[in-house]
Amino acid sequence: MQSVALLLLVPAASQAETCLAPSRPFVPSDSQAARDYADIIRQDFEAYISGIQDYFHCLEQERARAFEEAREVSQDYGRFLELVGD
């Protein structure tokens, strides 16, 4: 019976997501270099804008996952306290 009760306390497997912010685009201070590499720099900015949107979405998902996990852990703790009679 005790082992069955302890199994109730084992949380379901949930993975925390690692959200990585994109690297900030580099803009050379030399105006000629900026013109020479304008297409590459523009692509870097577009990739950053797309990446930062994905990053914000990831953070929102991770926040929701962590909030749900904290709720479940709180419930598990309540059941644990009932089991030990506190």
PDB file of N, CA and C in Angstrom:
ATOM      1  N   MET A   1       0.828  -1.198   0.000  1.00  0.00           N
ATOM      2  CA  MET A   1       0.000   0.000   0.000  1.00  0.00           C
ATOM      3  C   MET A   1       0.866   1.251   0.000  1.00  0.00           C
ATOM      4  N   GLN A   2       1.917   1.217   0.804  1.00  0.00           N
ATOM      5  CA  GLN A   2       2.780   2.391   0.892  1.00  0.00           C
ATOM      6  C   GLN A   2       3.458   2.671  -0.448  1.00  0.00           C
ATOM      7  N   SER A   3       3.903   1.633  -1.161  1.00  0.00           N
ATOM      8  CA  SER A   3       4.557   1.842  -2.456  1.00  0.00           C
ATOM      9  C   SER A   3       3.573   2.411  -3.478  1.00  0.00           C
ATOM     10  N   VAL A   4       2.316   2.006  -3.405  1.00  0.00           N
ATOM     11  CA  VAL A   4       1.299   2.541  -4.306  1.00  0.00           C
ATOM     12  C   VAL A   4       1.113   4.029  -4.031  1.00  0.00           C
ATOM     13  N   ALA A   5       1.064   4.392  -2.779  1.00  0.00           N
ATOM     14  CA  ALA A   5       0.896   5.804  -2.423  1.00  0.00           C
ATOM     15  C   ALA A   5       2.093   6.618  -2.889  1.00  0.00           C
ATOM     16  N   LEU A   6       3.285   6.056  -2.778  1.00  0.00           N
ATOM     17  CA  LEU A   6       4.470   6.784  -3.222  1.00  0.00           C
ATOM     18  C   LEU A   6       4.480   6.965  -4.731  1.00  0.00           C
ATOM     19  N   LEU A   7       3.936   6.019  -5.460  1.00  0.00           N
ATOM     20  CA  LEU A   7       3.855   6.156  -6.909  1.00  0.00           C
ATOM     21  C   LEU A   7       2.993   7.343  -7.307  1.00  0.00           C
ATOM     22  N   LEU A   8       2.026   7.664  -6.478  1.00  0.00           N
ATOM     23  CA  LEU A   8       1.187   8.827  -6.768  1.00  0.00           C
ATOM     24  C   LEU A   8       1.982  10.122  -6.705  1.00  0.00           C
ATOM     25  N   LEU A   9       3.068  10.090  -5.968  1.00  0.00           N
ATOM     26  CA  LEU A   9       3.865  11.303  -5.809  1.00  0.00           C
ATOM     27  C   LEU A   9       4.882  11.496  -6.918  1.00  0.00           C
ATOM     28  N   VAL A  10       5.125  10.481  -7.737  1.00  0.00           N
ATOM     29  CA  VAL A  10       6.086  10.593  -8.824  1.00  0.00           C
ATOM     30  C   VAL A  10       5.446  11.426  -9.935  1.00  0.00           C
ATOM     31  N   PRO A  11       6.040  12.567 -10.239  1.00  0.00           N
ATOM     32  CA  PRO A  11       5.436  13.428 -11.246  1.00  0.00           C
ATOM     33  C   PRO A  11       5.561  12.830 -12.642  1.00  0.00           C
ATOM     34  N   ALA A  12       4.627  13.177 -13.472  1.00  0.00           N
ATOM     35  CA  ALA A  12       4.695  12.765 -14.865  1.00  0.00           C
ATOM     36  C   ALA A  12       5.913  13.431 -15.502  1.00  0.00           C
ATOM     37  N   ALA A  13       6.495  12.738 -16.446  1.00  0.00           N
ATOM     38  CA  ALA A  13       7.683  13.289 -17.105  1.00  0.00           C
ATOM     39  C   ALA A  13       7.302  14.529 -17.894  1.00  0.00           C
ATOM     40  N   SER A  14       7.933  15.612 -17.562  1.00  0.00           N
ATOM     41  CA  SER A  14       7.735  16.836 -18.320  1.00  0.00           C
ATOM     42  C   SER A  14       9.089  17.492 -18.494  1.00  0.00           C
ATOM     43  N   GLN A  15       9.359  17.882 -19.695  1.00  0.00           N
ATOM     44  CA  GLN A  15      10.654  18.440 -20.013  1.00  0.00           C
ATOM     45  C   GLN A  15      10.586  19.960 -20.022  1.00  0.00           C
ATOM     46  N   ALA A  16      11.525  20.559 -19.329  1.00  0.00           N
ATOM     47  CA  ALA A  16      11.655  22.003 -19.420  1.00  0.00           C
ATOM     48  C   ALA A  16      12.300  22.321 -20.760  1.00  0.00           C
ATOM     49  N   GLU A  17      11.831  23.337 -21.386  1.00  0.00           N
ATOM     50  CA  GLU A  17      12.376  23.724 -22.678  1.00  0.00           C
ATOM     51  C   GLU A  17      13.431  24.795 -22.453  1.00  0.00           C
ATOM     52  N   THR A  18      14.521  24.661 -23.186  1.00  0.00           N
ATOM     53  CA  THR A  18      15.563  25.679 -23.121  1.00  0.00           C
ATOM     54  C   THR A  18      15.314  26.660 -24.250  1.00  0.00           C
ATOM     55  N   CYS A  19      15.052  27.884 -23.887  1.00  0.00           N
ATOM     56  CA  CYS A  19      14.794  28.928 -24.870  1.00  0.00           C
ATOM     57  C   CYS A  19      16.070  29.740 -25.054  1.00  0.00           C
ATOM     58  N   LEU A  20      16.560  29.764 -26.264  1.00  0.00           N
ATOM     59  CA  LEU A  20      17.792  30.490 -26.544  1.00  0.00           C
ATOM     60  C   LEU A  20      17.496  31.722 -27.394  1.00  0.00           C
ATOM     61  N   ALA A  21      17.916  32.857 -26.885  1.00  0.00           N
ATOM     62  CA  ALA A  21      17.720  34.105 -27.621  1.00  0.00           C
ATOM     63  C   ALA A  21      18.677  34.140 -28.812  1.00  0.00           C
ATOM     64  N   PRO A  22      18.221  34.687 -29.916  1.00  0.00           N
ATOM     65  CA  PRO A  22      19.114  34.795 -31.073  1.00  0.00           C
ATOM     66  C   PRO A  22      20.203  35.837 -30.812  1.00  0.00           C
ATOM     67  N   SER A  23      21.296  35.689 -31.526  1.00  0.00           N
ATOM     68  CA  SER A  23      22.381  36.663 -31.407  1.00  0.00           C
ATOM     69  C   SER A  23      21.976  37.961 -32.079  1.00  0.00           C
ATOM     70  N   ARG A  24      22.368  39.033 -31.442  1.00  0.00           N
ATOM     71  CA  ARG A  24      22.084  40.359 -31.987  1.00  0.00           C
ATOM     72  C   ARG A  24      22.873  40.563 -33.281  1.00  0.00           C
ATOM     73  N   PRO A  25      22.239  41.112 -34.323  1.00  0.00           N
ATOM     74  CA  PRO A  25      22.960  41.318 -35.590  1.00  0.00           C
ATOM     75  C   PRO A  25      24.102  42.320 -35.430  1.00  0.00           C
ATOM     76  N   PHE A  26      25.168  42.066 -36.147  1.00  0.00           N
ATOM     77  CA  PHE A  26      26.322  42.965 -36.141  1.00  0.00           C
ATOM     78  C   PHE A  26      26.182  43.957 -37.280  1.00  0.00           C
ATOM     79  N   VAL A  27      26.405  45.216 -36.970  1.00  0.00           N
ATOM     80  CA  VAL A  27      26.421  46.259 -37.988  1.00  0.00           C
ATOM     81  C   VAL A  27      27.787  46.934 -37.906  1.00  0.00           C
ATOM     82  N   PRO A  28      28.546  46.863 -38.987  1.00  0.00           N
ATOM     83  CA  PRO A  28      29.873  47.496 -38.950  1.00  0.00           C
ATOM     84  C   PRO A  28      29.746  49.010 -38.825  1.00  0.00           C
ATOM     85  N   SER A  29      30.704  49.594 -38.143  1.00  0.00           N
ATOM     86  CA  SER A  29      30.683  51.052 -37.986  1.00  0.00           C
ATOM     87  C   SER A  29      31.162  51.761 -39.245  1.00  0.00           C
ATOM     88  N   ASP A  30      31.850  51.044 -40.080  1.00  0.00           N
ATOM     89  CA  ASP A  30      32.347  51.603 -41.345  1.00  0.00           C
ATOM     90  C   ASP A  30      31.217  51.581 -42.372  1.00  0.00           C
ATOM     91  N   SER A  31      30.852  52.737 -42.877  1.00  0.00           N
ATOM     92  CA  SER A  31      29.711  52.830 -43.802  1.00  0.00           C
ATOM     93  C   SER A  31      29.972  52.077 -45.096  1.00  0.00           C
ATOM     94  N   GLN A  32      31.203  52.035 -45.558  1.00  0.00           N
ATOM     95  CA  GLN A  32      31.502  51.302 -46.789  1.00  0.00           C
ATOM     96  C   GLN A  32      31.305  49.796 -46.571  1.00  0.00           C
ATOM     97  N   ALA A  33      31.767  49.294 -45.448  1.00  0.00           N
ATOM     98  CA  ALA A  33      31.579  47.874 -45.136  1.00  0.00           C
ATOM     99  C   ALA A  33      30.086  47.560 -45.000  1.00  0.00           C
ATOM    100  N   ALA A  34      29.334  48.480 -44.399  1.00  0.00           N
ATOM    101  CA  ALA A  34      27.891  48.280 -44.264  1.00  0.00           C
ATOM    102  C   ALA A  34      27.240  48.189 -45.637  1.00  0.00           C
ATOM    103  N   ARG A  35      27.664  49.045 -46.562  1.00  0.00           N
ATOM    104  CA  ARG A  35      27.115  48.996 -47.927  1.00  0.00           C
ATOM    105  C   ARG A  35      27.557  47.711 -48.646  1.00  0.00           C
ATOM    106  N   ASP A  36      28.831  47.356 -48.469  1.00  0.00           N
ATOM    107  CA  ASP A  36      29.353  46.166 -49.144  1.00  0.00           C
ATOM    108  C   ASP A  36      28.631  44.894 -48.697  1.00  0.00           C
ATOM    109  N   TYR A  37      28.253  44.852 -47.453  1.00  0.00           N
ATOM    110  CA  TYR A  37      27.628  43.655 -46.885  1.00  0.00           C
ATOM    111  C   TYR A  37      26.147  43.864 -46.545  1.00  0.00           C
ATOM    112  N   ALA A  38      25.536  44.830 -47.204  1.00  0.00           N
ATOM    113  CA  ALA A  38      24.150  45.200 -46.896  1.00  0.00           C
ATOM    114  C   ALA A  38      23.197  44.015 -46.998  1.00  0.00           C
ATOM    115  N   ASP A  39      23.341  43.192 -48.030  1.00  0.00           N
ATOM    116  CA  ASP A  39      22.428  42.048 -48.187  1.00  0.00           C
ATOM    117  C   ASP A  39      22.578  41.063 -47.037  1.00  0.00           C
ATOM    118  N   ILE A  40      23.796  40.781 -46.651  1.00  0.00           N
ATOM    119  CA  ILE A  40      24.052  39.842 -45.548  1.00  0.00           C
ATOM    120  C   ILE A  40      23.535  40.425 -44.236  1.00  0.00           C
ATOM    121  N   ILE A  41      23.801  41.709 -44.013  1.00  0.00           N
ATOM    122  CA  ILE A  41      23.355  42.364 -42.776  1.00  0.00           C
ATOM    123  C   ILE A  41      21.830  42.389 -42.715  1.00  0.00           C
ATOM    124  N   ARG A  42      21.196  42.680 -43.844  1.00  0.00           N
ATOM    125  CA  ARG A  42      19.724  42.688 -43.904  1.00  0.00           C
ATOM    126  C   ARG A  42      19.181  41.300 -43.561  1.00  0.00           C
ATOM    127  N   GLN A  43      19.790  40.258 -44.107  1.00  0.00           N
ATOM    128  CA  GLN A  43      19.371  38.889 -43.800  1.00  0.00           C
ATOM    129  C   GLN A  43      19.553  38.583 -42.316  1.00  0.00           C
ATOM    130  N   ASP A  44      20.651  39.079 -41.742  1.00  0.00           N
ATOM    131  CA  ASP A  44      20.877  38.870 -40.306  1.00  0.00           C
ATOM    132  C   ASP A  44      19.776  39.526 -39.472  1.00  0.00           C
ATOM    133  N   PHE A  45      19.375  40.730 -39.853  1.00  0.00           N
ATOM    134  CA  PHE A  45      18.299  41.406 -39.122  1.00  0.00           C
ATOM    135  C   PHE A  45      16.978  40.660 -39.263  1.00  0.00           C
ATOM    136  N   GLU A  46      16.681  40.198 -40.476  1.00  0.00           N
ATOM    137  CA  GLU A  46      15.436  39.458 -40.693  1.00  0.00           C
ATOM    138  C   GLU A  46      15.451  38.148 -39.903  1.00  0.00           C
ATOM    139  N   ALA A  47      16.605  37.480 -39.879  1.00  0.00           N
ATOM    140  CA  ALA A  47      16.720  36.245 -39.098  1.00  0.00           C
ATOM    141  C   ALA A  47      16.560  36.542 -37.612  1.00  0.00           C
ATOM    142  N   TYR A  48      17.113  37.657 -37.157  1.00  0.00           N
ATOM    143  CA  TYR A  48      16.979  38.036 -35.750  1.00  0.00           C
ATOM    144  C   TYR A  48      15.514  38.292 -35.392  1.00  0.00           C
ATOM    145  N   ILE A  49      14.826  39.022 -36.228  1.00  0.00           N
ATOM    146  CA  ILE A  49      13.419  39.352 -35.955  1.00  0.00           C
ATOM    147  C   ILE A  49      12.588  38.071 -35.898  1.00  0.00           C
ATOM    148  N   SER A  50      12.817  37.161 -36.820  1.00  0.00           N
ATOM    149  CA  SER A  50      12.117  35.878 -36.789  1.00  0.00           C
ATOM    150  C   SER A  50      12.511  35.081 -35.552  1.00  0.00           C
ATOM    151  N   GLY A  51      13.810  35.066 -35.266  1.00  0.00           N
ATOM    152  CA  GLY A  51      14.310  34.319 -34.110  1.00  0.00           C
ATOM    153  C   GLY A  51      13.808  34.860 -32.785  1.00  0.00           C
ATOM    154  N   ILE A  52      13.700  36.167 -32.657  1.00  0.00           N
ATOM    155  CA  ILE A  52      13.253  36.742 -31.384  1.00  0.00           C
ATOM    156  C   ILE A  52      11.770  36.451 -31.181  1.00  0.00           C
ATOM    157  N   GLN A  53      11.006  36.385 -32.274  1.00  0.00           N
ATOM    158  CA  GLN A  53       9.595  36.009 -32.148  1.00  0.00           C
ATOM    159  C   GLN A  53       9.473  34.561 -31.676  1.00  0.00           C
ATOM    160  N   ASP A  54      10.304  33.684 -32.245  1.00  0.00           N
ATOM    161  CA  ASP A  54      10.313  32.286 -31.799  1.00  0.00           C
ATOM    162  C   ASP A  54      10.733  32.197 -30.335  1.00  0.00           C
ATOM    163  N   TYR A  55      11.702  33.011 -29.940  1.00  0.00           N
ATOM    164  CA  TYR A  55      12.193  33.035 -28.564  1.00  0.00           C
ATOM    165  C   TYR A  55      11.085  33.449 -27.596  1.00  0.00           C
ATOM    166  N   PHE A  56      10.359  34.508 -27.949  1.00  0.00           N
ATOM    167  CA  PHE A  56       9.246  34.948 -27.094  1.00  0.00           C
ATOM    168  C   PHE A  56       8.189  33.859 -26.984  1.00  0.00           C
ATOM    169  N   HIS A  57       7.891  33.187 -28.086  1.00  0.00           N
ATOM    170  CA  HIS A  57       6.912  32.095 -28.072  1.00  0.00           C
ATOM    171  C   HIS A  57       7.400  30.964 -27.164  1.00  0.00           C
ATOM    172  N   CYS A  58       8.670  30.639 -27.261  1.00  0.00           N
ATOM    173  CA  CYS A  58       9.254  29.598 -26.414  1.00  0.00           C
ATOM    174  C   CYS A  58       9.132  29.981 -24.941  1.00  0.00           C
ATOM    175  N   LEU A  59       9.448  31.223 -24.617  1.00  0.00           N
ATOM    176  CA  LEU A  59       9.344  31.681 -23.220  1.00  0.00           C
ATOM    177  C   LEU A  59       7.909  31.561 -22.713  1.00  0.00           C
ATOM    178  N   GLU A  60       6.949  31.924 -23.560  1.00  0.00           N
ATOM    179  CA  GLU A  60       5.540  31.822 -23.164  1.00  0.00           C
ATOM    180  C   GLU A  60       5.152  30.368 -22.907  1.00  0.00           C
ATOM    181  N   GLN A  61       5.612  29.459 -23.786  1.00  0.00           N
ATOM    182  CA  GLN A  61       5.309  28.042 -23.598  1.00  0.00           C
ATOM    183  C   GLN A  61       5.970  27.504 -22.337  1.00  0.00           C
ATOM    184  N   GLU A  62       7.212  27.891 -22.104  1.00  0.00           N
ATOM    185  CA  GLU A  62       7.927  27.409 -20.921  1.00  0.00           C
ATOM    186  C   GLU A  62       7.291  27.950 -19.649  1.00  0.00           C
ATOM    187  N   ARG A  63       6.842  29.186 -19.679  1.00  0.00           N
ATOM    188  CA  ARG A  63       6.155  29.755 -18.515  1.00  0.00           C
ATOM    189  C   ARG A  63       4.895  28.960 -18.207  1.00  0.00           C
ATOM    190  N   ALA A  64       4.119  28.658 -19.241  1.00  0.00           N
ATOM    191  CA  ALA A  64       2.885  27.887 -19.054  1.00  0.00           C
ATOM    192  C   ALA A  64       3.199  26.483 -18.525  1.00  0.00           C
ATOM    193  N   ARG A  65       4.241  25.846 -19.060  1.00  0.00           N
ATOM    194  CA  ARG A  65       4.622  24.515 -18.609  1.00  0.00           C
ATOM    195  C   ARG A  65       5.061  24.553 -17.149  1.00  0.00           C
ATOM    196  N   ALA A  66       5.899  25.528 -16.800  1.00  0.00           N
ATOM    197  CA  ALA A  66       6.395  25.635 -15.427  1.00  0.00           C
ATOM    198  C   ALA A  66       5.257  25.942 -14.454  1.00  0.00           C
ATOM    199  N   PHE A  67       4.318  26.773 -14.861  1.00  0.00           N
ATOM    200  CA  PHE A  67       3.170  27.099 -14.009  1.00  0.00           C
ATOM    201  C   PHE A  67       2.350  25.848 -13.733  1.00  0.00           C
ATOM    202  N   GLU A  68       2.108  25.047 -14.780  1.00  0.00           N
ATOM    203  CA  GLU A  68       1.341  23.807 -14.622  1.00  0.00           C
ATOM    204  C   GLU A  68       2.103  22.832 -13.726  1.00  0.00           C
ATOM    205  N   GLU A  69       3.398  22.727 -13.924  1.00  0.00           N
ATOM    206  CA  GLU A  69       4.205  21.844 -13.085  1.00  0.00           C
ATOM    207  C   GLU A  69       4.143  22.278 -11.621  1.00  0.00           C
ATOM    208  N   ALA A  70       4.246  23.561 -11.370  1.00  0.00           N
ATOM    209  CA  ALA A  70       4.178  24.070  -9.998  1.00  0.00           C
ATOM    210  C   ALA A  70       2.817  23.759  -9.372  1.00  0.00           C
ATOM    211  N   ARG A  71       1.753  23.859 -10.147  1.00  0.00           N
ATOM    212  CA  ARG A  71       0.418  23.525  -9.652  1.00  0.00           C
ATOM    213  C   ARG A  71       0.355  22.043  -9.279  1.00  0.00           C
ATOM    214  N   GLU A  72       0.891  21.196 -10.163  1.00  0.00           N
ATOM    215  CA  GLU A  72       0.887  19.753  -9.902  1.00  0.00           C
ATOM    216  C   GLU A  72       1.727  19.408  -8.671  1.00  0.00           C
ATOM    217  N   VAL A  73       2.886  20.035  -8.538  1.00  0.00           N
ATOM    218  CA  VAL A  73       3.754  19.776  -7.386  1.00  0.00           C
ATOM    219  C   VAL A  73       3.060  20.202  -6.098  1.00  0.00           C
ATOM    220  N   SER A  74       2.361  21.314  -6.144  1.00  0.00           N
ATOM    221  CA  SER A  74       1.618  21.773  -4.975  1.00  0.00           C
ATOM    222  C   SER A  74       0.564  20.746  -4.570  1.00  0.00           C
ATOM    223  N   GLN A  75      -0.133  20.191  -5.564  1.00  0.00           N
ATOM    224  CA  GLN A  75      -1.124  19.159  -5.271  1.00  0.00           C
ATOM    225  C   GLN A  75      -0.451  17.898  -4.720  1.00  0.00           C
ATOM    226  N   ASP A  76       0.686  17.530  -5.318  1.00  0.00           N
ATOM    227  CA  ASP A  76       1.437  16.364  -4.825  1.00  0.00           C
ATOM    228  C   ASP A  76       1.861  16.575  -3.375  1.00  0.00           C
ATOM    229  N   TYR A  77       2.278  17.759  -3.051  1.00  0.00           N
ATOM    230  CA  TYR A  77       2.712  18.056  -1.690  1.00  0.00           C
ATOM    231  C   TYR A  77       1.534  17.929  -0.722  1.00  0.00           C
ATOM    232  N   GLY A  78       0.384  18.407  -1.136  1.00  0.00           N
ATOM    233  CA  GLY A  78      -0.815  18.264  -0.304  1.00  0.00           C
ATOM    234  C   GLY A  78      -1.138  16.799  -0.036  1.00  0.00           C
ATOM    235  N   ARG A  79      -1.043  15.977  -1.103  1.00  0.00           N
ATOM    236  CA  ARG A  79      -1.287  14.531  -0.919  1.00  0.00           C
ATOM    237  C   ARG A  79      -0.235  13.922  -0.026  1.00  0.00           C
ATOM    238  N   PHE A  80       1.005  14.323  -0.158  1.00  0.00           N
ATOM    239  CA  PHE A  80       2.079  13.836   0.688  1.00  0.00           C
ATOM    240  C   PHE A  80       1.801  14.158   2.150  1.00  0.00           C
ATOM    241  N   LEU A  81       1.405  15.400   2.423  1.00  0.00           N
ATOM    242  CA  LEU A  81       1.125  15.792   3.797  1.00  0.00           C
ATOM    243  C   LEU A  81      -0.025  14.974   4.375  1.00  0.00           C
ATOM    244  N   GLU A  82      -1.012  14.662   3.555  1.00  0.00           N
ATOM    245  CA  GLU A  82      -2.111  13.799   4.012  1.00  0.00           C
ATOM    246  C   GLU A  82      -1.604  12.415   4.341  1.00  0.00           C
ATOM    247  N   LEU A  83      -0.678  11.888   3.530  1.00  0.00           N
ATOM    248  CA  LEU A  83      -0.137  10.551   3.750  1.00  0.00           C
ATOM    249  C   LEU A  83       0.646  10.454   5.061  1.00  0.00           C
ATOM    250  N   VAL A  84       1.401  11.502   5.374  1.00  0.00           N
ATOM    251  CA  VAL A  84       2.234  11.454   6.571  1.00  0.00           C
ATOM    252  C   VAL A  84       1.516  12.024   7.793  1.00  0.00           C
ATOM    253  N   GLY A  85       0.303  12.510   7.588  1.00  0.00           N
ATOM    254  CA  GLY A  85      -0.498  12.959   8.706  1.00  0.00           C
ATOM    255  C   GLY A  85      -0.164  14.347   9.241  1.00  0.00           C
ATOM    256  N   ASP A  86       0.403  15.192   8.395  1.00  0.00           N
ATOM    257  CA  ASP A  86       0.685  16.580   8.831  1.00  0.00           C
ATOM    258  C   ASP A  86      -0.447  17.506   8.477  1.00  0.00           C
TER     259      ASP A  86
END
